[in-house]
PDB file of N, CA and C in Angstrom:
ATOM      1  N   UNK A   1     -58.063 128.942-104.057  1.00  0.00           N
ATOM      2  CA  UNK A   1     -58.108 128.164-102.834  1.00  0.00           C
ATOM      3  C   UNK A   1     -58.881 126.882-103.099  1.00  0.00           C
ATOM      4  N   UNK A   2     -58.256 125.754-102.886  1.00  0.00           N
ATOM      5  CA  UNK A   2     -58.909 124.465-103.103  1.00  0.00           C
ATOM      6  C   UNK A   2     -59.532 123.989-101.807  1.00  0.00           C
ATOM      7  N   UNK A   3     -60.779 123.626-101.894  1.00  0.00           N
ATOM      8  CA  UNK A   3     -61.461 123.103-100.714  1.00  0.00           C
ATOM      9  C   UNK A   3     -62.072 121.765-101.080  1.00  0.00           C
ATOM     10  N   UNK A   4     -62.180 120.886-100.113  1.00  0.00           N
ATOM     11  CA  UNK A   4     -62.789 119.582-100.344  1.00  0.00           C
ATOM     12  C   UNK A   4     -64.295 119.694-100.499  1.00  0.00           C
ATOM     13  N   UNK A   5     -64.886 118.627-100.990  1.00  0.00           N
ATOM     14  CA  UNK A   5     -66.335 118.603-101.125  1.00  0.00           C
ATOM     15  C   UNK A   5     -66.981 118.487 -99.760  1.00  0.00           C
ATOM     16  N   UNK A   6     -68.138 119.079 -99.642  1.00  0.00           N
ATOM     17  CA  UNK A   6     -68.873 118.933 -98.393  1.00  0.00           C
ATOM     18  C   UNK A   6     -69.364 117.500 -98.269  1.00  0.00           C
ATOM     19  N   UNK A   7     -69.711 117.106 -97.053  1.00  0.00           N
ATOM     20  CA  UNK A   7     -70.153 115.736 -96.806  1.00  0.00           C
ATOM     21  C   UNK A   7     -71.386 115.392 -97.634  1.00  0.00           C
ATOM     22  N   UNK A   8     -72.297 116.339 -97.795  1.00  0.00           N
ATOM     23  CA  UNK A   8     -73.533 116.086 -98.552  1.00  0.00           C
ATOM     24  C   UNK A   8     -73.208 115.704 -99.998  1.00  0.00           C
ATOM     25  N   UNK A   9     -72.171 116.299-100.547  1.00  0.00           N
ATOM     26  CA  UNK A   9     -71.812 116.023-101.932  1.00  0.00           C
ATOM     27  C   UNK A   9     -71.067 114.699-102.073  1.00  0.00           C
ATOM     28  N   UNK A  10     -70.450 114.218-101.015  1.00  0.00           N
ATOM     29  CA  UNK A  10     -69.647 113.000-101.074  1.00  0.00           C
ATOM     30  C   UNK A  10     -70.471 111.731-100.923  1.00  0.00           C
ATOM     31  N   UNK A  11     -71.728 111.832-100.551  1.00  0.00           N
ATOM     32  CA  UNK A  11     -72.521 110.647-100.237  1.00  0.00           C
ATOM     33  C   UNK A  11     -72.575 109.672-101.409  1.00  0.00           C
ATOM     34  N   UNK A  12     -72.738 110.153-102.625  1.00  0.00           N
ATOM     35  CA  UNK A  12     -72.864 109.271-103.777  1.00  0.00           C
ATOM     36  C   UNK A  12     -71.546 108.748-104.314  1.00  0.00           C
ATOM     37  N   UNK A  13     -70.429 109.232-103.809  1.00  0.00           N
ATOM     38  CA  UNK A  13     -69.127 108.839-104.342  1.00  0.00           C
ATOM     39  C   UNK A  13     -68.619 107.577-103.673  1.00  0.00           C
ATOM     40  N   UNK A  14     -67.929 106.752-104.441  1.00  0.00           N
ATOM     41  CA  UNK A  14     -67.313 105.549-103.885  1.00  0.00           C
ATOM     42  C   UNK A  14     -65.836 105.814-103.675  1.00  0.00           C
ATOM     43  N   UNK A  15     -65.315 105.283-102.604  1.00  0.00           N
ATOM     44  CA  UNK A  15     -63.887 105.406-102.337  1.00  0.00           C
ATOM     45  C   UNK A  15     -63.179 104.338-103.168  1.00  0.00           C
ATOM     46  N   UNK A  16     -62.109 104.692-103.819  1.00  0.00           N
ATOM     47  CA  UNK A  16     -61.414 103.764-104.705  1.00  0.00           C
ATOM     48  C   UNK A  16     -60.577 102.742-103.969  1.00  0.00           C
ATOM     49  N   UNK A  17     -61.211 101.721-103.430  1.00  0.00           N
ATOM     50  CA  UNK A  17     -60.474 100.688-102.711  1.00  0.00           C
ATOM     51  C   UNK A  17     -60.160  99.493-103.592  1.00  0.00           C
ATOM     52  N   UNK A  18     -60.670  99.463-104.810  1.00  0.00           N
ATOM     53  CA  UNK A  18     -60.433  98.320-105.681  1.00  0.00           C
ATOM     54  C   UNK A  18     -61.242  97.107-105.293  1.00  0.00           C
ATOM     55  N   UNK A  19     -62.280  97.323-104.532  1.00  0.00           N
ATOM     56  CA  UNK A  19     -63.073  96.195-104.055  1.00  0.00           C
ATOM     57  C   UNK A  19     -64.444  96.151-104.720  1.00  0.00           C
ATOM     58  N   UNK A  20     -64.523  96.568-105.958  1.00  0.00           N
ATOM     59  CA  UNK A  20     -65.795  96.541-106.669  1.00  0.00           C
ATOM     60  C   UNK A  20     -66.240  95.126-106.961  1.00  0.00           C
ATOM     61  N   UNK A  21     -67.511  94.987-107.226  1.00  0.00           N
ATOM     62  CA  UNK A  21     -68.052  93.651-107.471  1.00  0.00           C
ATOM     63  C   UNK A  21     -67.596  93.129-108.825  1.00  0.00           C
ATOM     64  N   UNK A  22     -67.407  91.840-108.910  1.00  0.00           N
ATOM     65  CA  UNK A  22     -67.025  91.189-110.160  1.00  0.00           C
ATOM     66  C   UNK A  22     -68.232  90.540-110.826  1.00  0.00           C
ATOM     67  N   UNK A  23     -69.408  90.685-110.253  1.00  0.00           N
ATOM     68  CA  UNK A  23     -70.600  90.056-110.807  1.00  0.00           C
ATOM     69  C   UNK A  23     -71.820  90.412-109.998  1.00  0.00           C
ATOM     70  N   UNK A  24     -72.729  89.441-109.867  1.00  0.00           N
ATOM     71  CA  UNK A  24     -73.964  89.687-109.130  1.00  0.00           C
ATOM     72  C   UNK A  24     -74.433  88.412-108.449  1.00  0.00           C
ATOM     73  N   UNK A  25     -75.251  88.594-107.413  1.00  0.00           N
ATOM     74  CA  UNK A  25     -75.809  87.470-106.673  1.00  0.00           C
ATOM     75  C   UNK A  25     -77.087  86.997-107.356  1.00  0.00           C
ATOM     76  N   UNK A  26     -77.275  85.683-107.404  1.00  0.00           N
ATOM     77  CA  UNK A  26     -78.481  85.118-107.997  1.00  0.00           C
ATOM     78  C   UNK A  26     -79.553  84.967-106.930  1.00  0.00           C
ATOM     79  N   UNK A  27     -80.761  84.666-107.365  1.00  0.00           N
ATOM     80  CA  UNK A  27     -81.876  84.509-106.432  1.00  0.00           C
ATOM     81  C   UNK A  27     -81.659  83.332-105.497  1.00  0.00           C
ATOM     82  N   UNK A  28     -80.950  82.316-105.952  1.00  0.00           N
ATOM     83  CA  UNK A  28     -80.767  81.101-105.156  1.00  0.00           C
ATOM     84  C   UNK A  28     -79.474  81.100-104.341  1.00  0.00           C
ATOM     85  N   UNK A  29     -78.856  82.240-104.193  1.00  0.00           N
ATOM     86  CA  UNK A  29     -77.677  82.335-103.341  1.00  0.00           C
ATOM     87  C   UNK A  29     -76.358  82.104-104.045  1.00  0.00           C
ATOM     88  N   UNK A  30     -76.378  81.940-105.341  1.00  0.00           N
ATOM     89  CA  UNK A  30     -75.131  81.770-106.086  1.00  0.00           C
ATOM     90  C   UNK A  30     -74.535  83.112-106.462  1.00  0.00           C
ATOM     91  N   UNK A  31     -73.472  83.071-107.211  1.00  0.00           N
ATOM     92  CA  UNK A  31     -72.811  84.291-107.645  1.00  0.00           C
ATOM     93  C   UNK A  31     -72.361  84.104-109.082  1.00  0.00           C
ATOM     94  N   UNK A  32     -72.773  84.990-109.957  1.00  0.00           N
ATOM     95  CA  UNK A  32     -72.396  84.954-111.369  1.00  0.00           C
ATOM     96  C   UNK A  32     -71.298  85.987-111.603  1.00  0.00           C
ATOM     97  N   UNK A  33     -70.224  85.561-112.236  1.00  0.00           N
ATOM     98  CA  UNK A  33     -69.109  86.459-112.516  1.00  0.00           C
ATOM     99  C   UNK A  33     -69.282  87.051-113.907  1.00  0.00           C
ATOM    100  N   UNK A  34     -69.184  88.370-113.979  1.00  0.00           N
ATOM    101  CA  UNK A  34     -69.242  89.079-115.246  1.00  0.00           C
ATOM    102  C   UNK A  34     -67.804  89.260-115.725  1.00  0.00           C
ATOM    103  N   UNK A  35     -67.441  88.579-116.811  1.00  0.00           N
ATOM    104  CA  UNK A  35     -66.052  88.597-117.273  1.00  0.00           C
ATOM    105  C   UNK A  35     -65.602  89.985-117.715  1.00  0.00           C
ATOM    106  N   UNK A  36     -66.558  90.873-118.031  1.00  0.00           N
ATOM    107  CA  UNK A  36     -66.188  92.234-118.396  1.00  0.00           C
ATOM    108  C   UNK A  36     -65.692  93.020-117.179  1.00  0.00           C
ATOM    109  N   UNK A  37     -66.099  92.587-115.978  1.00  0.00           N
ATOM    110  CA  UNK A  37     -65.716  93.298-114.761  1.00  0.00           C
ATOM    111  C   UNK A  37     -64.469  92.722-114.098  1.00  0.00           C
ATOM    112  N   UNK A  38     -64.024  91.552-114.529  1.00  0.00           N
ATOM    113  CA  UNK A  38     -62.869  90.910-113.907  1.00  0.00           C
ATOM    114  C   UNK A  38     -61.609  91.685-114.277  1.00  0.00           C
ATOM    115  N   UNK A  39     -60.788  91.944-113.286  1.00  0.00           N
ATOM    116  CA  UNK A  39     -59.563  92.704-113.523  1.00  0.00           C
ATOM    117  C   UNK A  39     -58.509  91.813-114.185  1.00  0.00           C
ATOM    118  N   UNK A  40     -57.907  92.331-115.209  1.00  0.00           N
ATOM    119  CA  UNK A  40     -56.795  91.632-115.849  1.00  0.00           C
ATOM    120  C   UNK A  40     -55.588  92.562-115.809  1.00  0.00           C
ATOM    121  N   UNK A  41     -54.452  92.003-115.527  1.00  0.00           N
ATOM    122  CA  UNK A  41     -53.238  92.791-115.404  1.00  0.00           C
ATOM    123  C   UNK A  41     -52.266  92.396-116.507  1.00  0.00           C
ATOM    124  N   UNK A  42     -51.741  93.388-117.198  1.00  0.00           N
ATOM    125  CA  UNK A  42     -50.752  93.154-118.242  1.00  0.00           C
ATOM    126  C   UNK A  42     -49.385  93.451-117.637  1.00  0.00           C
ATOM    127  N   UNK A  43     -48.554  92.434-117.586  1.00  0.00           N
ATOM    128  CA  UNK A  43     -47.225  92.581-116.992  1.00  0.00           C
ATOM    129  C   UNK A  43     -46.237  92.913-118.100  1.00  0.00           C
ATOM    130  N   UNK A  44     -45.479  93.985-117.952  1.00  0.00           N
ATOM    131  CA  UNK A  44     -44.506  94.330-118.988  1.00  0.00           C
ATOM    132  C   UNK A  44     -43.327  93.364-118.974  1.00  0.00           C
ATOM    133  N   UNK A  45     -42.597  93.352-120.068  1.00  0.00           N
ATOM    134  CA  UNK A  45     -41.408  92.511-120.165  1.00  0.00           C
ATOM    135  C   UNK A  45     -40.321  93.108-119.271  1.00  0.00           C
ATOM    136  N   UNK A  46     -39.950  92.385-118.238  1.00  0.00           N
ATOM    137  CA  UNK A  46     -38.970  92.888-117.276  1.00  0.00           C
ATOM    138  C   UNK A  46     -37.643  92.140-117.355  1.00  0.00           C
ATOM    139  N   UNK A  47     -37.385  91.478-118.475  1.00  0.00           N
ATOM    140  CA  UNK A  47     -36.161  90.679-118.574  1.00  0.00           C
ATOM    141  C   UNK A  47     -34.904  91.551-118.564  1.00  0.00           C
ATOM    142  N   UNK A  48     -34.978  92.773-119.081  1.00  0.00           N
ATOM    143  CA  UNK A  48     -33.810  93.656-119.119  1.00  0.00           C
ATOM    144  C   UNK A  48     -33.825  94.695-118.003  1.00  0.00           C
ATOM    145  N   UNK A  49     -34.711  94.555-117.057  1.00  0.00           N
ATOM    146  CA  UNK A  49     -34.849  95.539-115.978  1.00  0.00           C
ATOM    147  C   UNK A  49     -33.694  95.389-114.984  1.00  0.00           C
ATOM    148  N   UNK A  50     -33.015  96.483-114.640  1.00  0.00           N
ATOM    149  CA  UNK A  50     -31.890  96.378-113.702  1.00  0.00           C
ATOM    150  C   UNK A  50     -32.332  96.189-112.251  1.00  0.00           C
ATOM    151  N   UNK A  51     -33.579  96.470-111.955  1.00  0.00           N
ATOM    152  CA  UNK A  51     -34.063  96.359-110.584  1.00  0.00           C
ATOM    153  C   UNK A  51     -34.473  94.926-110.273  1.00  0.00           C
ATOM    154  N   UNK A  52     -34.265  94.532-109.028  1.00  0.00           N
ATOM    155  CA  UNK A  52     -34.637  93.198-108.582  1.00  0.00           C
ATOM    156  C   UNK A  52     -35.669  93.313-107.467  1.00  0.00           C
ATOM    157  N   UNK A  53     -36.568  92.355-107.353  1.00  0.00           N
ATOM    158  CA  UNK A  53     -37.542  92.415-106.268  1.00  0.00           C
ATOM    159  C   UNK A  53     -36.872  92.107-104.936  1.00  0.00           C
ATOM    160  N   UNK A  54     -37.454  92.637-103.871  1.00  0.00           N
ATOM    161  CA  UNK A  54     -36.932  92.331-102.541  1.00  0.00           C
ATOM    162  C   UNK A  54     -37.273  90.892-102.215  1.00  0.00           C
ATOM    163  N   UNK A  55     -36.276  90.150-101.780  1.00  0.00           N
ATOM    164  CA  UNK A  55     -36.478  88.759-101.389  1.00  0.00           C
ATOM    165  C   UNK A  55     -36.016  88.623 -99.948  1.00  0.00           C
ATOM    166  N   UNK A  56     -36.848  88.025 -99.135  1.00  0.00           N
ATOM    167  CA  UNK A  56     -36.521  87.829 -97.729  1.00  0.00           C
ATOM    168  C   UNK A  56     -35.274  86.957 -97.604  1.00  0.00           C
ATOM    169  N   UNK A  57     -34.353  87.294 -96.703  1.00  0.00           N
ATOM    170  CA  UNK A  57     -33.130  86.497 -96.547  1.00  0.00           C
ATOM    171  C   UNK A  57     -33.399  85.042 -96.166  1.00  0.00           C
ATOM    172  N   UNK A  58     -34.518  84.762 -95.500  1.00  0.00           N
ATOM    173  CA  UNK A  58     -34.841  83.398 -95.078  1.00  0.00           C
ATOM    174  C   UNK A  58     -35.498  82.579 -96.193  1.00  0.00           C
ATOM    175  N   UNK A  59     -35.705  83.184 -97.351  1.00  0.00           N
ATOM    176  CA  UNK A  59     -36.400  82.487 -98.435  1.00  0.00           C
ATOM    177  C   UNK A  59     -35.580  81.293 -98.914  1.00  0.00           C
ATOM    178  N   UNK A  60     -36.263  80.184 -99.167  1.00  0.00           N
ATOM    179  CA  UNK A  60     -35.586  78.974 -99.634  1.00  0.00           C
ATOM    180  C   UNK A  60     -35.301  79.099-101.126  1.00  0.00           C
ATOM    181  N   UNK A  61     -34.140  78.626-101.520  1.00  0.00           N
ATOM    182  CA  UNK A  61     -33.763  78.693-102.934  1.00  0.00           C
ATOM    183  C   UNK A  61     -34.312  77.493-103.694  1.00  0.00           C
ATOM    184  N   UNK A  62     -34.592  77.707-104.958  1.00  0.00           N
ATOM    185  CA  UNK A  62     -34.966  76.614-105.833  1.00  0.00           C
ATOM    186  C   UNK A  62     -36.439  76.240-105.821  1.00  0.00           C
ATOM    187  N   UNK A  63     -37.246  76.886-105.001  1.00  0.00           N
ATOM    188  CA  UNK A  63     -38.676  76.562-104.984  1.00  0.00           C
ATOM    189  C   UNK A  63     -39.366  77.450-106.007  1.00  0.00           C
ATOM    190  N   UNK A  64     -40.058  76.823-106.929  1.00  0.00           N
ATOM    191  CA  UNK A  64     -40.783  77.574-107.950  1.00  0.00           C
ATOM    192  C   UNK A  64     -42.256  77.238-107.847  1.00  0.00           C
ATOM    193  N   UNK A  65     -43.075  78.246-107.926  1.00  0.00           N
ATOM    194  CA  UNK A  65     -44.514  78.061-107.854  1.00  0.00           C
ATOM    195  C   UNK A  65     -45.109  78.382-109.214  1.00  0.00           C
ATOM    196  N   UNK A  66     -45.806  77.423-109.755  1.00  0.00           N
ATOM    197  CA  UNK A  66     -46.507  77.649-111.011  1.00  0.00           C
ATOM    198  C   UNK A  66     -47.955  77.227-110.829  1.00  0.00           C
ATOM    199  N   UNK A  67     -48.811  77.813-111.605  1.00  0.00           N
ATOM    200  CA  UNK A  67     -50.229  77.479-111.540  1.00  0.00           C
ATOM    201  C   UNK A  67     -50.586  76.693-112.790  1.00  0.00           C
ATOM    202  N   UNK A  68     -51.048  75.484-112.596  1.00  0.00           N
ATOM    203  CA  UNK A  68     -51.534  74.668-113.696  1.00  0.00           C
ATOM    204  C   UNK A  68     -53.032  74.936-113.808  1.00  0.00           C
ATOM    205  N   UNK A  69     -53.444  75.555-114.903  1.00  0.00           N
ATOM    206  CA  UNK A  69     -54.842  75.980-115.025  1.00  0.00           C
ATOM    207  C   UNK A  69     -55.805  74.803-115.003  1.00  0.00           C
ATOM    208  N   UNK A  70     -55.426  73.684-115.592  1.00  0.00           N
ATOM    209  CA  UNK A  70     -56.320  72.523-115.590  1.00  0.00           C
ATOM    210  C   UNK A  70     -56.556  72.016-114.169  1.00  0.00           C
ATOM    211  N   UNK A  71     -55.488  71.927-113.382  1.00  0.00           N
ATOM    212  CA  UNK A  71     -55.631  71.476-111.992  1.00  0.00           C
ATOM    213  C   UNK A  71     -56.434  72.482-111.173  1.00  0.00           C
ATOM    214  N   UNK A  72     -56.216  73.766-111.438  1.00  0.00           N
ATOM    215  CA  UNK A  72     -56.953  74.799-110.710  1.00  0.00           C
ATOM    216  C   UNK A  72     -58.444  74.707-111.006  1.00  0.00           C
ATOM    217  N   UNK A  73     -58.795  74.560-112.278  1.00  0.00           N
ATOM    218  CA  UNK A  73     -60.209  74.456-112.649  1.00  0.00           C
ATOM    219  C   UNK A  73     -60.830  73.187-112.088  1.00  0.00           C
ATOM    220  N   UNK A  74     -60.075  72.093-112.085  1.00  0.00           N
ATOM    221  CA  UNK A  74     -60.575  70.845-111.509  1.00  0.00           C
ATOM    222  C   UNK A  74     -60.835  71.023-110.011  1.00  0.00           C
ATOM    223  N   UNK A  75     -59.898  71.664-109.318  1.00  0.00           N
ATOM    224  CA  UNK A  75     -60.073  71.930-107.889  1.00  0.00           C
ATOM    225  C   UNK A  75     -61.279  72.834-107.651  1.00  0.00           C
ATOM    226  N   UNK A  76     -61.418  73.876-108.468  1.00  0.00           N
ATOM    227  CA  UNK A  76     -62.538  74.806-108.298  1.00  0.00           C
ATOM    228  C   UNK A  76     -63.869  74.095-108.510  1.00  0.00           C
ATOM    229  N   UNK A  77     -63.940  73.242-109.521  1.00  0.00           N
ATOM    230  CA  UNK A  77     -65.186  72.513-109.780  1.00  0.00           C
ATOM    231  C   UNK A  77     -65.535  71.573-108.637  1.00  0.00           C
ATOM    232  N   UNK A  78     -64.546  70.860-108.097  1.00  0.00           N
ATOM    233  CA  UNK A  78     -64.837  69.961-106.976  1.00  0.00           C
ATOM    234  C   UNK A  78     -65.232  70.760-105.740  1.00  0.00           C
ATOM    235  N   UNK A  79     -64.609  71.916-105.532  1.00  0.00           N
ATOM    236  CA  UNK A  79     -64.964  72.762-104.392  1.00  0.00           C
ATOM    237  C   UNK A  79     -66.401  73.254-104.524  1.00  0.00           C
ATOM    238  N   UNK A  80     -66.785  73.661-105.727  1.00  0.00           N
ATOM    239  CA  UNK A  80     -68.150  74.145-105.956  1.00  0.00           C
ATOM    240  C   UNK A  80     -69.148  73.019-105.740  1.00  0.00           C
ATOM    241  N   UNK A  81     -68.831  71.823-106.237  1.00  0.00           N
ATOM    242  CA  UNK A  81     -69.734  70.685-106.054  1.00  0.00           C
ATOM    243  C   UNK A  81     -69.892  70.349-104.579  1.00  0.00           C
ATOM    244  N   UNK A  82     -68.767  70.331-103.841  1.00  0.00           N
ATOM    245  CA  UNK A  82     -68.826  70.010-102.411  1.00  0.00           C
ATOM    246  C   UNK A  82     -69.630  71.054-101.651  1.00  0.00           C
ATOM    247  N   UNK A  83     -69.428  72.326-101.985  1.00  0.00           N
ATOM    248  CA  UNK A  83     -70.151  73.366-101.260  1.00  0.00           C
ATOM    249  C   UNK A  83     -71.639  73.309-101.571  1.00  0.00           C
ATOM    250  N   UNK A  84     -72.003  72.978-102.817  1.00  0.00           N
ATOM    251  CA  UNK A  84     -73.429  72.871-103.138  1.00  0.00           C
ATOM    252  C   UNK A  84     -74.040  71.645-102.464  1.00  0.00           C
ATOM    253  N   UNK A  85     -73.274  70.545-102.360  1.00  0.00           N
ATOM    254  CA  UNK A  85     -73.773  69.360-101.653  1.00  0.00           C
ATOM    255  C   UNK A  85     -73.962  69.664-100.170  1.00  0.00           C
ATOM    256  N   UNK A  86     -73.027  70.415 -99.591  1.00  0.00           N
ATOM    257  CA  UNK A  86     -73.147  70.787 -98.182  1.00  0.00           C
ATOM    258  C   UNK A  86     -74.362  71.678 -97.951  1.00  0.00           C
ATOM    259  N   UNK A  87     -74.628  72.589 -98.886  1.00  0.00           N
ATOM    260  CA  UNK A  87     -75.800  73.453 -98.753  1.00  0.00           C
ATOM    261  C   UNK A  87     -77.076  72.628 -98.794  1.00  0.00           C
ATOM    262  N   UNK A  88     -77.114  71.640 -99.701  1.00  0.00           N
ATOM    263  CA  UNK A  88     -78.297  70.786 -99.789  1.00  0.00           C
ATOM    264  C   UNK A  88     -78.465  69.967 -98.518  1.00  0.00           C
ATOM    265  N   UNK A  89     -77.351  69.459 -97.970  1.00  0.00           N
ATOM    266  CA  UNK A  89     -77.413  68.659 -96.758  1.00  0.00           C
ATOM    267  C   UNK A  89     -77.890  69.513 -95.576  1.00  0.00           C
ATOM    268  N   UNK A  90     -77.392  70.727 -95.479  1.00  0.00           N
ATOM    269  CA  UNK A  90     -77.794  71.622 -94.396  1.00  0.00           C
ATOM    270  C   UNK A  90     -79.263  71.986 -94.538  1.00  0.00           C
ATOM    271  N   UNK A  91     -79.710  72.215 -95.779  1.00  0.00           N
ATOM    272  CA  UNK A  91     -81.114  72.558 -96.004  1.00  0.00           C
ATOM    273  C   UNK A  91     -82.024  71.390 -95.637  1.00  0.00           C
ATOM    274  N   UNK A  92     -81.610  70.153 -95.962  1.00  0.00           N
ATOM    275  CA  UNK A  92     -82.442  68.992 -95.630  1.00  0.00           C
ATOM    276  C   UNK A  92     -82.471  68.758 -94.123  1.00  0.00           C
ATOM    277  N   UNK A  93     -81.355  69.024 -93.434  1.00  0.00           N
ATOM    278  CA  UNK A  93     -81.330  68.889 -91.980  1.00  0.00           C
ATOM    279  C   UNK A  93     -82.203  69.948 -91.316  1.00  0.00           C
ATOM    280  N   UNK A  94     -82.255  71.131 -91.910  1.00  0.00           N
ATOM    281  CA  UNK A  94     -83.062  72.206 -91.341  1.00  0.00           C
ATOM    282  C   UNK A  94     -84.555  71.888 -91.443  1.00  0.00           C
ATOM    283  N   UNK A  95     -84.931  71.170 -92.494  1.00  0.00           N
ATOM    284  CA  UNK A  95     -86.341  70.803 -92.663  1.00  0.00           C
ATOM    285  C   UNK A  95     -86.767  69.777 -91.624  1.00  0.00           C
ATOM    286  N   UNK A  96     -85.848  68.903 -91.215  1.00  0.00           N
ATOM    287  CA  UNK A  96     -86.181  67.836 -90.253  1.00  0.00           C
ATOM    288  C   UNK A  96     -86.244  68.338 -88.876  1.00  0.00           C
TER     289      UNK A  96
END
């Protein structure tokens, strides 16, 4: 007879939601990413696969989305700079 664990035994267990931390918070409110914890997905070669993904009938044809890593990193850096400038501005306003 299989029975579940009692509530007392479950307290230390984490539910597998896939929402684990990718790093840690710094003393100054930043966040450091630990590359060992970042999830990487290996996609198999699906060129000969007979199955096709479901595509919504209203989907527009010919639109392709690609990610340019250089543009993404440039955007991320400017976003980080802007957010740090905003934090400094808010902190200086709070002092006044």
